[in-house]
């Protein structure tokens, strides 16, 4: 099992990010929120992911970057839960909407909860 987060899986397209926030659906496991949209990529990647932390809640870039690193690591370790259970391609953005800094173990547990909610939500539709 390949536990990497390659460049091809990173969400970078401005058009896709705009579509994500204008047309996308969301699920949340406070303080995490995932906005997602079904899409199609030229390369054969199941999903592209971006992470974001509010500048309003965390003024210092050091704190924002630390939380983003934790979010990416939690995604990297748990992405196979998503990859093994989806048929279409998705783009999603994981947002940290809380005010308090959490430990990696708390973020990892919340990520698992968020991913399971996401899978229930897409299989329900």
Protein backbone atom coordinates (compact mmCIF):
# COMPACT_ATOMS: atom_id res chain seq x y z
CA UNK A 1 0.00 0.00 0.00
CA UNK A 2 1.46 3.30 -1.14
CA UNK A 3 1.07 5.95 1.61
CA UNK A 4 2.18 9.00 -0.34
CA UNK A 5 0.67 12.35 -1.25
CA UNK A 6 2.07 12.98 -4.74
CA UNK A 7 1.79 16.24 -6.65
CA UNK A 8 -0.83 14.72 -8.96
CA UNK A 9 -3.24 14.35 -5.99
CA UNK A 10 -2.98 18.00 -4.97
CA UNK A 11 -5.85 20.29 -5.84
CA UNK A 12 -4.38 23.30 -7.63
CA UNK A 13 -6.83 24.29 -10.37
CA UNK A 14 -8.42 27.68 -9.63
CA UNK A 15 -11.42 26.85 -11.82
CA UNK A 16 -12.00 23.60 -9.97
CA UNK A 17 -11.63 25.27 -6.57
CA UNK A 18 -14.16 27.95 -7.57
CA UNK A 19 -16.57 25.25 -8.80
CA UNK A 20 -16.01 23.35 -5.57
CA UNK A 21 -17.16 26.25 -3.41
CA UNK A 22 -20.00 27.36 -5.70
CA UNK A 23 -21.51 23.96 -6.57
CA UNK A 24 -19.98 21.52 -4.10
CA UNK A 25 -21.60 19.66 -1.22
CA UNK A 26 -20.13 19.39 2.23
CA UNK A 27 -19.86 17.13 5.27
CA UNK A 28 -18.34 18.02 8.60
CA UNK A 29 -16.91 16.55 11.76
CA UNK A 30 -16.20 19.63 13.84
CA UNK A 31 -13.66 21.27 13.58
CA UNK A 32 -13.13 19.72 10.13
CA UNK A 33 -15.29 20.36 7.10
CA UNK A 34 -14.97 18.76 3.67
CA UNK A 35 -16.37 20.38 0.54
CA UNK A 36 -16.50 17.98 -2.41
CA UNK A 37 -17.62 17.78 -5.99
CA UNK A 38 -17.76 14.93 -8.48
CA UNK A 39 -15.51 15.66 -11.43
CA UNK A 40 -13.31 14.11 -14.12
CA UNK A 41 -9.52 14.26 -14.33
CA UNK A 42 -7.40 13.47 -17.37
CA UNK A 43 -4.97 11.44 -15.28
CA UNK A 44 -6.36 8.34 -13.63
CA UNK A 45 -6.47 9.67 -10.05
CA UNK A 46 -9.46 8.92 -7.79
CA UNK A 47 -9.41 12.31 -6.06
CA UNK A 48 -7.55 15.56 -5.71
CA UNK A 49 -7.33 17.19 -2.30
CA UNK A 50 -6.55 20.60 -0.88
CA UNK A 51 -6.39 21.78 2.72
CA UNK A 52 -7.14 25.20 4.16
CA UNK A 53 -6.97 26.91 7.54
CA UNK A 54 -8.65 30.25 8.25
CA UNK A 55 -6.39 33.26 8.54
CA UNK A 56 -9.10 34.90 10.60
CA UNK A 57 -8.88 32.24 13.31
CA UNK A 58 -5.12 31.64 13.23
CA UNK A 59 -3.28 34.90 12.72
CA UNK A 60 0.22 33.41 12.71
CA UNK A 61 1.34 31.63 9.54
CA UNK A 62 3.31 29.19 11.69
CA UNK A 63 0.10 27.96 13.31
CA UNK A 64 -1.78 27.74 10.00
CA UNK A 65 1.03 25.83 8.34
CA UNK A 66 1.32 23.43 11.28
CA UNK A 67 -2.39 22.58 11.10
CA UNK A 68 -2.22 22.18 7.32
CA UNK A 69 0.70 19.75 7.70
CA UNK A 70 -1.33 17.74 10.21
CA UNK A 71 -4.35 17.68 7.89
CA UNK A 72 -2.27 16.51 4.92
CA UNK A 73 -0.64 13.81 7.03
CA UNK A 74 -4.02 12.57 8.29
CA UNK A 75 -5.26 12.46 4.69
CA UNK A 76 -2.12 10.66 3.53
CA UNK A 77 -2.49 7.94 6.14
CA UNK A 78 -6.24 7.43 5.65
CA UNK A 79 -6.74 8.03 1.93
CA UNK A 80 -7.07 4.33 1.15
CA UNK A 81 -10.35 4.26 3.07
CA UNK A 82 -11.65 6.64 0.41
CA UNK A 83 -9.84 5.20 -2.62
CA UNK A 84 -11.13 1.67 -1.98
CA UNK A 85 -14.75 2.79 -1.62
CA UNK A 86 -15.37 5.25 -4.48
CA UNK A 87 -16.12 4.61 -8.14
CA UNK A 88 -16.05 8.15 -9.54
CA UNK A 89 -13.44 10.88 -9.35
CA UNK A 90 -13.80 13.64 -6.76
CA UNK A 91 -12.15 16.90 -5.86
CA UNK A 92 -12.35 17.99 -2.28
CA UNK A 93 -11.07 20.61 0.10
CA UNK A 94 -10.58 19.91 3.78
CA UNK A 95 -11.15 23.02 5.88
CA UNK A 96 -10.17 23.50 9.51
CA UNK A 97 -12.92 25.67 11.01
CA UNK A 98 -12.13 25.39 14.72
CA UNK A 99 -10.50 27.95 16.99
CA UNK A 100 -8.27 25.64 19.03
CA UNK A 101 -5.16 23.79 17.92
CA UNK A 102 -5.58 20.02 18.17
CA UNK A 103 -2.99 17.26 18.40
CA UNK A 104 -2.26 14.99 15.46
CA UNK A 105 -4.10 12.07 17.08
CA UNK A 106 -7.25 14.16 17.50
CA UNK A 107 -7.07 15.41 13.91
CA UNK A 108 -6.42 11.88 12.64
CA UNK A 109 -9.46 10.51 14.48
CA UNK A 110 -11.63 13.37 13.23
CA UNK A 111 -10.35 12.79 9.68
CA UNK A 112 -11.41 9.15 9.82
CA UNK A 113 -14.84 10.24 11.04
CA UNK A 114 -15.05 12.87 8.28
CA UNK A 115 -14.04 10.38 5.57
CA UNK A 116 -16.63 7.83 6.75
CA UNK A 117 -19.33 10.55 6.68
CA UNK A 118 -18.20 11.49 3.17
CA UNK A 119 -18.47 7.88 2.00
CA UNK A 120 -21.95 7.48 3.55
CA UNK A 121 -23.02 10.74 1.91
CA UNK A 122 -21.87 9.82 -1.61
CA UNK A 123 -23.27 6.28 -1.43
CA UNK A 124 -26.61 7.69 -0.28
CA UNK A 125 -26.92 9.91 -3.39
